C-alpha atoms as a PDB file:
ATOM      1  CA  MET A   1       0.171  -0.004  -0.152  1.00  0.00           C
ATOM      2  CA  GLN A   2       1.078   3.327  -0.883  1.00  0.00           C
ATOM      3  CA  SER A   3       1.849   6.080   1.812  1.00  0.00           C
ATOM      4  CA  SER A   4      -1.117   8.086   0.241  1.00  0.00           C
ATOM      5  CA  ASP A   5      -3.720   5.309   0.209  1.00  0.00           C
ATOM      6  CA  PHE A   6      -2.527   4.902   3.963  1.00  0.00           C
ATOM      7  CA  ASP A   7      -3.283   8.288   4.743  1.00  0.00           C
ATOM      8  CA  LYS A   8      -6.683   7.971   3.211  1.00  0.00           C
ATOM      9  CA  ALA A   9      -7.785   4.561   4.749  1.00  0.00           C
ATOM     10  CA  SER A  10      -6.428   5.437   8.232  1.00  0.00           C
ATOM     11  CA  ASP A  11      -8.602   7.706  11.145  1.00  0.00           C
ATOM     12  CA  THR A  12      -5.104   9.068  11.666  1.00  0.00           C
ATOM     13  CA  PRO A  13      -3.966  11.763   9.770  1.00  0.00           C
ATOM     14  CA  HIS A  14      -0.300  10.749   8.282  1.00  0.00           C
ATOM     15  CA  GLY A  15       2.532  12.025  10.661  1.00  0.00           C
ATOM     16  CA  SER A  16       0.099  12.456  13.507  1.00  0.00           C
ATOM     17  CA  THR A  17       0.229  11.149  17.098  1.00  0.00           C
ATOM     18  CA  GLY A  18      -3.608  11.240  18.077  1.00  0.00           C
ATOM     19  CA  GLU A  19      -3.177  14.765  19.380  1.00  0.00           C
ATOM     20  CA  LEU A  20      -6.136  17.237  19.475  1.00  0.00           C
ATOM     21  CA  SER A  21      -6.292  18.764  16.073  1.00  0.00           C
ATOM     22  CA  ASP A  22      -8.946  21.463  16.584  1.00  0.00           C
ATOM     23  CA  LYS A  23     -10.824  23.681  18.834  1.00  0.00           C
ATOM     24  CA  ALA A  24     -13.950  20.919  18.995  1.00  0.00           C
ATOM     25  CA  SER A  25     -11.129  18.603  20.386  1.00  0.00           C
ATOM     26  CA  ALA A  26     -10.707  21.094  23.223  1.00  0.00           C
ATOM     27  CA  PRO A  27     -11.858  20.184  26.755  1.00  0.00           C
ATOM     28  CA  ALA A  28     -14.946  21.912  28.151  1.00  0.00           C
ATOM     29  CA  GLY A  29     -14.137  25.629  29.009  1.00  0.00           C
ATOM     30  CA  ALA A  30     -10.948  25.835  27.163  1.00  0.00           C
ATOM     31  CA  ASP A  31     -12.168  28.276  24.510  1.00  0.00           C
ATOM     32  CA  ASP A  32      -8.928  30.067  23.791  1.00  0.00           C
ATOM     33  CA  TRP A  33      -7.017  27.774  21.151  1.00  0.00           C
ATOM     34  CA  ASP A  34      -4.706  28.313  18.614  1.00  0.00           C
ATOM     35  CA  GLN A  35      -5.550  28.124  15.355  1.00  0.00           C
ATOM     36  CA  GLY A  36      -2.339  25.818  14.703  1.00  0.00           C
ATOM     37  CA  PRO A  37      -3.027  21.854  14.875  1.00  0.00           C
ATOM     38  CA  HIS A  38      -2.162  20.342  18.293  1.00  0.00           C
ATOM     39  CA  ALA A  39      -2.173  23.835  20.060  1.00  0.00           C
ATOM     40  CA  PHE A  40      -3.750  26.046  22.292  1.00  0.00           C
ATOM     41  CA  ARG A  41      -2.679  28.949  24.590  1.00  0.00           C
ATOM     42  CA  SER A  42      -2.808  28.818  28.384  1.00  0.00           C
ATOM     43  CA  VAL A  43      -5.918  30.815  29.915  1.00  0.00           C
ATOM     44  CA  VAL A  44      -4.191  31.085  33.098  1.00  0.00           C
ATOM     45  CA  PRO A  45      -3.491  34.749  33.299  1.00  0.00           C
ATOM     46  CA  SER A  46      -0.239  35.857  33.626  1.00  0.00           C
ATOM     47  CA  PRO A  47       1.244  37.738  37.061  1.00  0.00           C
ATOM     48  CA  ALA A  48       0.913  41.410  35.724  1.00  0.00           C
ATOM     49  CA  ALA A  49      -2.667  40.640  34.369  1.00  0.00           C
ATOM     50  CA  ALA A  50      -3.762  39.047  37.776  1.00  0.00           C
ATOM     51  CA  ALA A  51      -2.287  42.103  39.429  1.00  0.00           C
ATOM     52  CA  ALA A  52      -4.344  44.446  37.130  1.00  0.00           C
ATOM     53  CA  ALA A  53      -7.324  42.805  38.063  1.00  0.00           C
ATOM     54  CA  GLU A  54      -6.905  42.473  41.513  1.00  0.00           C
ATOM     55  CA  ALA A  55      -6.258  46.436  41.242  1.00  0.00           C
ATOM     56  CA  SER A  56      -9.630  47.123  39.528  1.00  0.00           C
ATOM     57  CA  ARG A  57     -11.079  45.653  42.529  1.00  0.00           C
ATOM     58  CA  GLU A  58      -9.889  47.858  45.096  1.00  0.00           C
ATOM     59  CA  MET A  59     -11.327  51.300  46.231  1.00  0.00           C
ATOM     60  CA  PRO A  60      -9.357  54.637  45.490  1.00  0.00           C
ATOM     61  CA  GLY A  61      -7.666  54.568  49.186  1.00  0.00           C
ATOM     62  CA  GLN A  62      -6.972  51.068  49.199  1.00  0.00           C
ATOM     63  CA  LEU A  63      -4.891  51.595  46.107  1.00  0.00           C
ATOM     64  CA  LEU A  64      -2.973  54.382  47.559  1.00  0.00           C
ATOM     65  CA  ALA A  65      -2.442  52.376  50.870  1.00  0.00           C
ATOM     66  CA  ARG A  66      -0.765  49.792  48.746  1.00  0.00           C
ATOM     67  CA  GLY A  67       1.353  52.117  47.137  1.00  0.00           C
ATOM     68  CA  VAL A  68       2.284  53.809  50.746  1.00  0.00           C
ATOM     69  CA  SER A  69       2.925  50.407  51.970  1.00  0.00           C
ATOM     70  CA  ARG A  70       5.207  49.598  49.227  1.00  0.00           C
ATOM     71  CA  HIS A  71       7.273  53.008  49.559  1.00  0.00           C
ATOM     72  CA  LEU A  72       7.588  52.384  53.416  1.00  0.00           C
ATOM     73  CA  ARG A  73       9.140  48.972  52.793  1.00  0.00           C
ATOM     74  CA  ALA A  74      11.989  50.871  50.782  1.00  0.00           C
ATOM     75  CA  HIS A  75      12.410  52.519  54.202  1.00  0.00           C
ATOM     76  CA  ASP A  76      12.238  49.247  56.301  1.00  0.00           C
ATOM     77  CA  PHE A  77       9.037  49.897  57.632  1.00  0.00           C
ATOM     78  CA  VAL A  78       6.776  47.054  57.404  1.00  0.00           C
ATOM     79  CA  SER A  79       3.236  47.678  57.232  1.00  0.00           C
ATOM     80  CA  VAL A  80      -0.599  46.640  58.132  1.00  0.00           C
ATOM     81  CA  GLU A  81      -3.444  47.796  56.476  1.00  0.00           C
ATOM     82  CA  GLU A  82      -6.948  48.871  58.113  1.00  0.00           C
ATOM     83  CA  PHE A  83      -5.348  48.389  61.537  1.00  0.00           C
ATOM     84  CA  VAL A  84      -7.658  48.617  64.675  1.00  0.00           C
ATOM     85  CA  PRO A  85      -5.570  50.585  67.582  1.00  0.00           C
ATOM     86  CA  THR A  86      -8.427  50.670  69.855  1.00  0.00           C
ATOM     87  CA  ARG A  87     -12.181  50.057  69.964  1.00  0.00           C
ATOM     88  CA  GLY A  88     -13.792  52.791  67.596  1.00  0.00           C
ATOM     89  CA  LEU A  89     -10.592  53.536  65.294  1.00  0.00           C
ATOM     90  CA  ARG A  90      -9.456  52.131  62.124  1.00  0.00           C
ATOM     91  CA  VAL A  91      -6.298  53.414  60.747  1.00  0.00           C
ATOM     92  CA  ASP A  92      -5.820  52.779  56.885  1.00  0.00           C
ATOM     93  CA  VAL A  93      -2.066  51.973  57.385  1.00  0.00           C
ATOM     94  CA  MET A  94       0.066  51.563  60.718  1.00  0.00           C
ATOM     95  CA  ALA A  95       3.897  51.212  59.949  1.00  0.00           C
ATOM     96  CA  LEU A  96       6.385  49.806  62.065  1.00  0.00           C
ATOM     97  CA  GLY A  97      10.195  51.032  61.670  1.00  0.00           C
ATOM     98  CA  PRO A  98      13.231  49.290  62.439  1.00  0.00           C
ATOM     99  CA  ARG A  99      13.426  51.084  65.630  1.00  0.00           C
ATOM    100  CA  ASP A 100      10.072  50.525  66.850  1.00  0.00           C
ATOM    101  CA  GLU A 101       8.759  53.933  65.507  1.00  0.00           C
ATOM    102  CA  ILE A 102       5.135  53.707  64.586  1.00  0.00           C
ATOM    103  CA  TRP A 103       3.522  55.662  61.818  1.00  0.00           C
ATOM    104  CA  VAL A 104       0.051  56.137  60.865  1.00  0.00           C
ATOM    105  CA  ILE A 105      -0.812  57.066  57.413  1.00  0.00           C
ATOM    106  CA  GLU A 106      -4.623  57.771  56.264  1.00  0.00           C
ATOM    107  CA  CYS A 107      -5.191  57.711  52.512  1.00  0.00           C
ATOM    108  CA  LYS A 108      -7.552  60.375  51.212  1.00  0.00           C
ATOM    109  CA  SER A 109      -8.573  59.604  47.274  1.00  0.00           C
ATOM    110  CA  CYS A 110     -10.738  62.963  47.282  1.00  0.00           C
ATOM    111  CA  ARG A 111     -11.824  66.518  49.058  1.00  0.00           C
ATOM    112  CA  ALA A 112     -15.101  64.882  50.091  1.00  0.00           C
ATOM    113  CA  ASP A 113     -13.071  61.869  51.405  1.00  0.00           C
ATOM    114  CA  PHE A 114     -10.791  64.270  53.688  1.00  0.00           C
ATOM    115  CA  GLN A 115     -13.832  66.249  54.675  1.00  0.00           C
ATOM    116  CA  ALA A 116     -15.879  63.160  55.898  1.00  0.00           C
ATOM    117  CA  ASP A 117     -13.387  62.496  58.347  1.00  0.00           C
ATOM    118  CA  ARG A 118     -14.129  63.343  62.246  1.00  0.00           C
ATOM    119  CA  LYS A 119     -11.987  60.656  63.534  1.00  0.00           C
ATOM    120  CA  TRP A 120      -8.421  61.495  62.452  1.00  0.00           C
ATOM    121  CA  GLN A 121      -7.304  63.625  65.697  1.00  0.00           C
ATOM    122  CA  GLY A 122      -8.019  60.565  67.699  1.00  0.00           C
ATOM    123  CA  TYR A 123      -5.060  58.664  65.692  1.00  0.00           C
ATOM    124  CA  LEU A 124      -2.718  61.138  66.774  1.00  0.00           C
ATOM    125  CA  ASP A 125      -2.389  59.195  70.390  1.00  0.00           C
ATOM    126  CA  TRP A 126      -1.499  55.974  68.840  1.00  0.00           C
ATOM    127  CA  CYS A 127       1.455  57.004  66.437  1.00  0.00           C
ATOM    128  CA  ASP A 128       4.732  58.542  66.648  1.00  0.00           C
ATOM    129  CA  ARG A 129       4.292  60.318  63.289  1.00  0.00           C
ATOM    130  CA  TYR A 130       1.293  60.707  61.537  1.00  0.00           C
ATOM    131  CA  PHE A 131       0.785  61.454  57.593  1.00  0.00           C
ATOM    132  CA  TRP A 132      -1.932  62.133  55.282  1.00  0.00           C
ATOM    133  CA  ALA A 133      -1.441  59.839  51.910  1.00  0.00           C
ATOM    134  CA  VAL A 134      -3.149  61.480  48.781  1.00  0.00           C
ATOM    135  CA  ASP A 135      -2.446  61.450  45.113  1.00  0.00           C
ATOM    136  CA  ALA A 136      -0.693  64.106  42.945  1.00  0.00           C
ATOM    137  CA  ASP A 137      -4.234  65.769  42.268  1.00  0.00           C
ATOM    138  CA  PHE A 138      -5.542  66.252  45.734  1.00  0.00           C
ATOM    139  CA  PRO A 139      -5.765  69.977  47.193  1.00  0.00           C
ATOM    140  CA  THR A 140      -2.662  69.669  49.596  1.00  0.00           C
ATOM    141  CA  ASP A 141      -3.581  73.151  51.104  1.00  0.00           C
ATOM    142  CA  LEU A 142      -6.378  71.267  53.155  1.00  0.00           C
ATOM    143  CA  LEU A 143      -4.123  69.371  55.078  1.00  0.00           C
ATOM    144  CA  PRO A 144      -3.587  70.323  58.996  1.00  0.00           C
ATOM    145  CA  GLU A 145      -0.258  72.026  59.520  1.00  0.00           C
ATOM    146  CA  GLY A 146       2.211  70.131  61.604  1.00  0.00           C
ATOM    147  CA  THR A 147       0.735  66.427  59.403  1.00  0.00           C
ATOM    148  CA  GLY A 148       2.910  64.766  57.174  1.00  0.00           C
ATOM    149  CA  LEU A 149       2.447  64.375  53.340  1.00  0.00           C
ATOM    150  CA  ILE A 150       2.717  61.227  51.280  1.00  0.00           C
ATOM    151  CA  ILE A 151       2.010  61.396  47.844  1.00  0.00           C
ATOM    152  CA  ALA A 152       0.763  58.063  46.338  1.00  0.00           C
ATOM    153  CA  ASP A 153      -0.196  55.818  43.733  1.00  0.00           C
ATOM    154  CA  ALA A 154      -1.053  52.338  43.546  1.00  0.00           C
ATOM    155  CA  TYR A 155       2.375  51.381  42.910  1.00  0.00           C
ATOM    156  CA  ASP A 156       4.732  53.685  44.724  1.00  0.00           C
ATOM    157  CA  ALA A 157       4.693  56.662  46.982  1.00  0.00           C
ATOM    158  CA  GLU A 158       6.887  59.490  47.812  1.00  0.00           C
ATOM    159  CA  ILE A 159       7.335  61.486  51.311  1.00  0.00           C
ATOM    160  CA  LEU A 160       7.015  65.414  50.729  1.00  0.00           C
ATOM    161  CA  ARG A 161       6.731  66.440  54.368  1.00  0.00           C
ATOM    162  CA  MET A 162       7.420  64.588  57.968  1.00  0.00           C
ATOM    163  CA  GLY A 163       4.951  64.727  60.529  1.00  0.00           C
ATOM    164  CA  GLU A 164       5.832  66.358  63.398  1.00  0.00           C
ATOM    165  CA  GLU A 165       7.126  63.706  65.742  1.00  0.00           C
ATOM    166  CA  THR A 166       5.345  62.818  69.408  1.00  0.00           C
ATOM    167  CA  LYS A 167       6.901  59.914  70.987  1.00  0.00           C
ATOM    168  CA  LEU A 168       4.665  57.255  72.619  1.00  0.00           C
ATOM    169  CA  PRO A 169       4.404  56.240  76.172  1.00  0.00           C
ATOM    170  CA  ALA A 170       6.485  53.183  76.451  1.00  0.00           C
ATOM    171  CA  ALA A 171       3.556  51.336  77.649  1.00  0.00           C
ATOM    172  CA  ARG A 172       1.598  52.149  74.849  1.00  0.00           C
ATOM    173  CA  ARG A 173       4.177  51.418  72.535  1.00  0.00           C
ATOM    174  CA  LYS A 174       4.342  47.740  73.807  1.00  0.00           C
ATOM    175  CA  VAL A 175       0.571  47.319  73.396  1.00  0.00           C
ATOM    176  CA  LEU A 176       0.680  48.545  69.978  1.00  0.00           C
ATOM    177  CA  MET A 177       3.408  46.123  69.058  1.00  0.00           C
ATOM    178  CA  ARG A 178       1.791  43.131  70.163  1.00  0.00           C
ATOM    179  CA  LYS A 179      -1.219  44.319  68.465  1.00  0.00           C
ATOM    180  CA  PHE A 180       0.430  44.742  65.516  1.00  0.00           C
ATOM    181  CA  ALA A 181       2.198  41.416  65.746  1.00  0.00           C
ATOM    182  CA  ARG A 182      -1.047  39.566  66.093  1.00  0.00           C
ATOM    183  CA  HIS A 183      -2.715  41.201  63.437  1.00  0.00           C
ATOM    184  CA  ALA A 184       0.084  40.596  60.823  1.00  0.00           C
ATOM    185  CA  ALA A 185      -0.181  36.767  62.141  1.00  0.00           C
ATOM    186  CA  LEU A 186      -3.588  36.549  61.574  1.00  0.00           C
ATOM    187  CA  ARG A 187      -3.622  38.176  58.297  1.00  0.00           C
ATOM    188  CA  LEU A 188      -0.600  35.727  57.065  1.00  0.00           C
ATOM    189  CA  GLN A 189      -2.705  32.610  58.442  1.00  0.00           C
ATOM    190  CA  GLY A 190      -5.786  33.890  56.460  1.00  0.00           C
ATOM    191  CA  LEU A 191      -3.793  33.263  53.466  1.00  0.00           C
ATOM    192  CA  ARG A 192      -2.639  30.002  54.297  1.00  0.00           C
ATOM    193  CA  ASP A 193      -6.096  28.601  55.927  1.00  0.00           C
ATOM    194  CA  PRO A 194      -8.986  31.303  55.631  1.00  0.00           C
ATOM    195  CA  GLY A 195     -11.420  28.859  57.369  1.00  0.00           C
ATOM    196  CA  ALA A 196      -9.449  28.237  60.389  1.00  0.00           C
ATOM    197  CA  VAL A 197      -9.000  32.175  60.607  1.00  0.00           C
ATOM    198  CA  ARG A 198     -12.890  33.073  60.198  1.00  0.00           C
ATOM    199  CA  ALA A 199     -13.750  29.956  62.540  1.00  0.00           C
ATOM    200  CA  TRP A 200     -11.809  31.636  65.394  1.00  0.00           C
ATOM    201  CA  ALA A 201     -12.227  35.242  64.418  1.00  0.00           C
ATOM    202  CA  LEU A 202     -11.732  37.803  67.459  1.00  0.00           C
END
């Protein structure tokens, strides 16, 4: 039998090893196949695409907090977002420095967001320095004297003005550092085992 006759008689094309040859053979849900034979594109998003999708779900203030935390890490500060120093207060970012200094950063996405904040002065008793983080279009003349200023976006930030330093009492610093460590550990455990954290939530 000639090779061409074998091709016509066989269910398998000449030279094929039986691989999937067109989109109709794709498993259910795999709709991103190449036009070429025996090949398809991965439907798993790239890390950059996944990060962009995650960012699109975050609120403007959360995006600023991410950029702030990233910038502070370059200064050897570690950060926890949405930290509760005491009942009734929740700060956008609390940062712990290499010499145990504690900073609080409030992220404001617009004028209305800033003007609606009636609690920020209560945060001053829970940090050594206090900062506002805003984007480049924010009217910074609204921000109170003596507070720090950080210009941020979702990916980075820059400290333009340091907040005035008021050292925390040693006892309060100890309490805050313990809370910071516990909160950070719970966040980390939540990534590893979300069900356990929800079951034992404080």
